[in-house]
Amino acid sequence: MQVLQVQLEVGPDPAEVGRARRWARSRLAGSGIEADEPLAETLVLLISELVTNAVVHTGCPAVLRMLFAAEGGVRVEVADTSDRPPRPRHAEGEDTNGRGLELVDGLADRWGWEPEGVGKSIWCEVDRAPAAPLPVPVPVGPVVPGGSVSPGRVRC
């Protein structure tokens, strides 16, 4: 399996999240993932959440990495120097934070964390869905003798 890896150092400032999103969009375009693909938007949102968690909850610099597999899947990693494990929270009603890891859990195909150096790396993976097959046309019109399709009936 071939993998292309790119990385960006992120400072401990919430303003760095926007820079990380812009950087990620440019790297996605360079990898062949079009900006208007749902995969691109999902990855940018995941990156935004993971980088936000790193800079807001640790106050430490971080490293954002994207790994592109030849099969089309993408792995996002954010490594920081805090050894505290991520702590999923559950936001209530009007809460303005506490939804980050819930979003990651809902959008990524897989995610987790592991110790890395003196800190940790939080990662998620998104598989590139194969192109949907084109629908099989259903004949419409008079029923052909021996046929089983009624006029106007659609098979699901």
C-alpha atoms as a PDB file:
ATOM      1  CA  MET A   1       0.000   0.000   0.000  1.00  0.00           C
ATOM      2  CA  GLN A   2       1.464   3.344  -1.055  1.00  0.00           C
ATOM      3  CA  VAL A   3       0.952   6.320   1.221  1.00  0.00           C
ATOM      4  CA  LEU A   4       1.678  10.001   0.685  1.00  0.00           C
ATOM      5  CA  GLN A   5       2.121  11.989   3.901  1.00  0.00           C
ATOM      6  CA  VAL A   6       2.028  15.753   4.320  1.00  0.00           C
ATOM      7  CA  GLN A   7       2.267  17.673   7.576  1.00  0.00           C
ATOM      8  CA  LEU A   8       1.836  21.145   9.035  1.00  0.00           C
ATOM      9  CA  GLU A   9       3.092  22.538  12.336  1.00  0.00           C
ATOM     10  CA  VAL A  10       0.309  24.333  14.189  1.00  0.00           C
ATOM     11  CA  GLY A  11       0.911  26.931  16.885  1.00  0.00           C
ATOM     12  CA  PRO A  12      -1.000  26.959  20.207  1.00  0.00           C
ATOM     13  CA  ASP A  13      -3.387  29.687  19.017  1.00  0.00           C
ATOM     14  CA  PRO A  14      -7.060  29.124  18.048  1.00  0.00           C
ATOM     15  CA  ALA A  15      -6.434  31.326  14.962  1.00  0.00           C
ATOM     16  CA  GLU A  16      -4.258  28.473  13.655  1.00  0.00           C
ATOM     17  CA  VAL A  17      -7.395  26.385  13.041  1.00  0.00           C
ATOM     18  CA  GLY A  18      -8.331  28.516  10.023  1.00  0.00           C
ATOM     19  CA  ARG A  19      -4.807  28.225   8.651  1.00  0.00           C
ATOM     20  CA  ALA A  20      -4.967  24.441   9.089  1.00  0.00           C
ATOM     21  CA  ARG A  21      -8.265  24.300   7.163  1.00  0.00           C
ATOM     22  CA  ARG A  22      -6.848  26.375   4.273  1.00  0.00           C
ATOM     23  CA  TRP A  23      -3.702  24.244   4.189  1.00  0.00           C
ATOM     24  CA  ALA A  24      -5.756  21.037   4.219  1.00  0.00           C
ATOM     25  CA  ARG A  25      -7.960  22.216   1.331  1.00  0.00           C
ATOM     26  CA  SER A  26      -4.885  22.937  -0.790  1.00  0.00           C
ATOM     27  CA  ARG A  27      -3.373  19.532  -0.009  1.00  0.00           C
ATOM     28  CA  LEU A  28      -6.660  17.753  -0.738  1.00  0.00           C
ATOM     29  CA  ALA A  29      -6.838  19.444  -4.143  1.00  0.00           C
ATOM     30  CA  GLY A  30      -3.254  18.347  -4.819  1.00  0.00           C
ATOM     31  CA  SER A  31      -4.175  14.754  -3.955  1.00  0.00           C
ATOM     32  CA  GLY A  32      -6.959  14.563  -6.520  1.00  0.00           C
ATOM     33  CA  ILE A  33      -9.824  15.057  -4.069  1.00  0.00           C
ATOM     34  CA  GLU A  34     -11.984  17.817  -5.545  1.00  0.00           C
ATOM     35  CA  ALA A  35     -13.052  20.676  -3.255  1.00  0.00           C
ATOM     36  CA  ASP A  36     -16.748  20.018  -3.903  1.00  0.00           C
ATOM     37  CA  GLU A  37     -16.555  16.303  -3.085  1.00  0.00           C
ATOM     38  CA  PRO A  38     -18.332  15.355   0.137  1.00  0.00           C
ATOM     39  CA  LEU A  39     -15.098  13.634   1.206  1.00  0.00           C
ATOM     40  CA  ALA A  40     -13.213  16.958   1.080  1.00  0.00           C
ATOM     41  CA  GLU A  41     -15.770  18.763   3.235  1.00  0.00           C
ATOM     42  CA  THR A  42     -15.835  15.883   5.724  1.00  0.00           C
ATOM     43  CA  LEU A  43     -12.047  15.872   6.006  1.00  0.00           C
ATOM     44  CA  VAL A  44     -11.847  19.644   6.479  1.00  0.00           C
ATOM     45  CA  LEU A  45     -14.451  19.455   9.269  1.00  0.00           C
ATOM     46  CA  LEU A  46     -12.581  16.584  10.956  1.00  0.00           C
ATOM     47  CA  ILE A  47      -9.304  18.507  10.716  1.00  0.00           C
ATOM     48  CA  SER A  48     -10.964  21.591  12.168  1.00  0.00           C
ATOM     49  CA  GLU A  49     -12.267  19.628  15.152  1.00  0.00           C
ATOM     50  CA  LEU A  50      -9.025  17.770  15.886  1.00  0.00           C
ATOM     51  CA  VAL A  51      -6.816  20.854  15.553  1.00  0.00           C
ATOM     52  CA  THR A  52      -9.244  22.892  17.684  1.00  0.00           C
ATOM     53  CA  ASN A  53      -9.124  20.234  20.399  1.00  0.00           C
ATOM     54  CA  ALA A  54      -5.333  20.190  20.330  1.00  0.00           C
ATOM     55  CA  VAL A  55      -4.789  23.936  20.569  1.00  0.00           C
ATOM     56  CA  VAL A  56      -7.684  24.783  22.900  1.00  0.00           C
ATOM     57  CA  HIS A  57      -7.465  21.901  25.364  1.00  0.00           C
ATOM     58  CA  THR A  58      -3.685  21.545  25.563  1.00  0.00           C
ATOM     59  CA  GLY A  59      -2.383  25.043  24.890  1.00  0.00           C
ATOM     60  CA  CYS A  60       0.535  23.334  23.148  1.00  0.00           C
ATOM     61  CA  PRO A  61       1.792  23.383  19.562  1.00  0.00           C
ATOM     62  CA  ALA A  62       0.657  20.446  17.444  1.00  0.00           C
ATOM     63  CA  VAL A  63       1.479  18.721  14.180  1.00  0.00           C
ATOM     64  CA  LEU A  64      -1.277  18.008  11.665  1.00  0.00           C
ATOM     65  CA  ARG A  65      -0.602  15.126   9.296  1.00  0.00           C
ATOM     66  CA  MET A  66      -2.642  13.807   6.391  1.00  0.00           C
ATOM     67  CA  LEU A  67      -1.832  10.446   4.906  1.00  0.00           C
ATOM     68  CA  PHE A  68      -3.288   9.570   1.516  1.00  0.00           C
ATOM     69  CA  ALA A  69      -3.533   5.859   0.693  1.00  0.00           C
ATOM     70  CA  ALA A  70      -3.313   4.699  -2.914  1.00  0.00           C
ATOM     71  CA  GLU A  71      -6.772   3.147  -2.472  1.00  0.00           C
ATOM     72  CA  GLY A  72      -8.237   6.606  -1.836  1.00  0.00           C
ATOM     73  CA  GLY A  73      -8.653   6.598   1.940  1.00  0.00           C
ATOM     74  CA  VAL A  74      -7.307   9.430   4.063  1.00  0.00           C
ATOM     75  CA  ARG A  75      -5.926   9.335   7.603  1.00  0.00           C
ATOM     76  CA  VAL A  76      -5.736  12.549   9.622  1.00  0.00           C
ATOM     77  CA  GLU A  77      -3.482  12.738  12.684  1.00  0.00           C
ATOM     78  CA  VAL A  78      -2.977  15.568  15.131  1.00  0.00           C
ATOM     79  CA  ALA A  79      -0.048  15.061  17.506  1.00  0.00           C
ATOM     80  CA  ASP A  80       0.557  17.280  20.532  1.00  0.00           C
ATOM     81  CA  THR A  81       2.846  17.228  23.560  1.00  0.00           C
ATOM     82  CA  SER A  82       0.134  16.690  26.159  1.00  0.00           C
ATOM     83  CA  ASP A  83      -0.024  13.191  27.583  1.00  0.00           C
ATOM     84  CA  ARG A  84      -3.664  13.624  28.683  1.00  0.00           C
ATOM     85  CA  PRO A  85      -5.949  11.330  26.704  1.00  0.00           C
ATOM     86  CA  PRO A  86      -8.845  12.883  24.815  1.00  0.00           C
ATOM     87  CA  ARG A  87     -12.008  13.021  26.895  1.00  0.00           C
ATOM     88  CA  PRO A  88     -15.231  12.838  24.892  1.00  0.00           C
ATOM     89  CA  ARG A  89     -17.931  15.047  26.369  1.00  0.00           C
ATOM     90  CA  HIS A  90     -21.616  15.269  25.662  1.00  0.00           C
ATOM     91  CA  ALA A  91     -22.932  18.744  24.875  1.00  0.00           C
ATOM     92  CA  GLU A  92     -26.391  19.685  26.044  1.00  0.00           C
ATOM     93  CA  GLY A  93     -28.832  21.962  24.203  1.00  0.00           C
ATOM     94  CA  GLU A  94     -27.256  25.397  23.781  1.00  0.00           C
ATOM     95  CA  ASP A  95     -23.720  24.412  24.860  1.00  0.00           C
ATOM     96  CA  THR A  96     -21.139  25.992  22.561  1.00  0.00           C
ATOM     97  CA  ASN A  97     -18.514  23.281  22.988  1.00  0.00           C
ATOM     98  CA  GLY A  98     -18.269  19.610  23.813  1.00  0.00           C
ATOM     99  CA  ARG A  99     -19.312  18.278  20.401  1.00  0.00           C
ATOM    100  CA  GLY A 100     -15.902  17.846  18.746  1.00  0.00           C
ATOM    101  CA  LEU A 101     -15.231  14.181  19.391  1.00  0.00           C
ATOM    102  CA  GLU A 102     -18.923  13.354  18.847  1.00  0.00           C
ATOM    103  CA  LEU A 103     -18.560  14.862  15.368  1.00  0.00           C
ATOM    104  CA  VAL A 104     -15.364  12.918  14.762  1.00  0.00           C
ATOM    105  CA  ASP A 105     -17.077   9.720  15.893  1.00  0.00           C
ATOM    106  CA  GLY A 106     -20.041  10.372  13.608  1.00  0.00           C
ATOM    107  CA  LEU A 107     -18.098  11.407  10.505  1.00  0.00           C
ATOM    108  CA  ALA A 108     -14.980   9.220  10.508  1.00  0.00           C
ATOM    109  CA  ASP A 109     -14.980   5.552   9.601  1.00  0.00           C
ATOM    110  CA  ARG A 110     -12.514   4.939  12.445  1.00  0.00           C
ATOM    111  CA  TRP A 111     -10.797   7.071  15.065  1.00  0.00           C
ATOM    112  CA  GLY A 112      -8.688   6.708  18.163  1.00  0.00           C
ATOM    113  CA  TRP A 113      -5.606   7.944  19.915  1.00  0.00           C
ATOM    114  CA  GLU A 114      -2.213   6.586  20.916  1.00  0.00           C
ATOM    115  CA  PRO A 115       0.827   7.766  22.845  1.00  0.00           C
ATOM    116  CA  GLU A 116       3.417   9.475  20.658  1.00  0.00           C
ATOM    117  CA  GLY A 117       6.732  10.634  22.059  1.00  0.00           C
ATOM    118  CA  VAL A 118       6.040  12.642  25.224  1.00  0.00           C
ATOM    119  CA  GLY A 119       2.466  13.338  24.098  1.00  0.00           C
ATOM    120  CA  LYS A 120      -0.210  11.699  22.003  1.00  0.00           C
ATOM    121  CA  SER A 121      -1.649  11.487  18.521  1.00  0.00           C
ATOM    122  CA  ILE A 122      -5.384  11.568  17.855  1.00  0.00           C
ATOM    123  CA  TRP A 123      -6.247  10.099  14.473  1.00  0.00           C
ATOM    124  CA  CYS A 124      -9.222   9.388  12.256  1.00  0.00           C
ATOM    125  CA  GLU A 125      -9.653   7.635   8.948  1.00  0.00           C
ATOM    126  CA  VAL A 126     -12.147   8.219   6.168  1.00  0.00           C
ATOM    127  CA  ASP A 127     -12.543   5.696   3.383  1.00  0.00           C
ATOM    128  CA  ARG A 128     -13.157   7.012  -0.093  1.00  0.00           C
ATOM    129  CA  ALA A 129     -16.478   5.555  -1.128  1.00  0.00           C
ATOM    130  CA  PRO A 130     -16.468   3.887  -4.530  1.00  0.00           C
ATOM    131  CA  ALA A 131     -18.521   5.645  -7.169  1.00  0.00           C
ATOM    132  CA  ALA A 132     -22.184   4.678  -6.914  1.00  0.00           C
ATOM    133  CA  PRO A 133     -23.287   2.355  -9.694  1.00  0.00           C
ATOM    134  CA  LEU A 134     -25.607   3.864 -12.234  1.00  0.00           C
ATOM    135  CA  PRO A 135     -29.224   2.781 -11.823  1.00  0.00           C
ATOM    136  CA  VAL A 136     -30.465   0.069 -14.132  1.00  0.00           C
ATOM    137  CA  PRO A 137     -33.128   1.488 -16.417  1.00  0.00           C
ATOM    138  CA  VAL A 138     -36.571   0.026 -15.873  1.00  0.00           C
ATOM    139  CA  PRO A 139     -38.657  -0.466 -18.997  1.00  0.00           C
ATOM    140  CA  VAL A 140     -41.817   1.607 -19.049  1.00  0.00           C
ATOM    141  CA  GLY A 141     -44.619   0.904 -21.471  1.00  0.00           C
ATOM    142  CA  PRO A 142     -46.656  -2.066 -22.504  1.00  0.00           C
ATOM    143  CA  VAL A 143     -45.884  -5.344 -20.827  1.00  0.00           C
ATOM    144  CA  VAL A 144     -43.947  -7.667 -23.087  1.00  0.00           C
ATOM    145  CA  PRO A 145     -45.414 -11.191 -23.159  1.00  0.00           C
ATOM    146  CA  GLY A 146     -43.447 -13.284 -20.712  1.00  0.00           C
ATOM    147  CA  GLY A 147     -42.078 -10.161 -19.055  1.00  0.00           C
ATOM    148  CA  SER A 148     -42.605  -9.306 -15.394  1.00  0.00           C
ATOM    149  CA  VAL A 149     -42.435  -5.513 -15.355  1.00  0.00           C
ATOM    150  CA  SER A 150     -45.695  -3.578 -15.162  1.00  0.00           C
ATOM    151  CA  PRO A 151     -46.003  -0.210 -16.930  1.00  0.00           C
ATOM    152  CA  GLY A 152     -44.844   2.592 -14.653  1.00  0.00           C
ATOM    153  CA  ARG A 153     -43.640   0.269 -11.894  1.00  0.00           C
ATOM    154  CA  VAL A 154     -40.188   0.943 -10.484  1.00  0.00           C
ATOM    155  CA  ARG A 155     -38.037  -1.747  -8.909  1.00  0.00           C
ATOM    156  CA  CYS A 156     -36.144  -0.806  -5.774  1.00  0.00           C
END
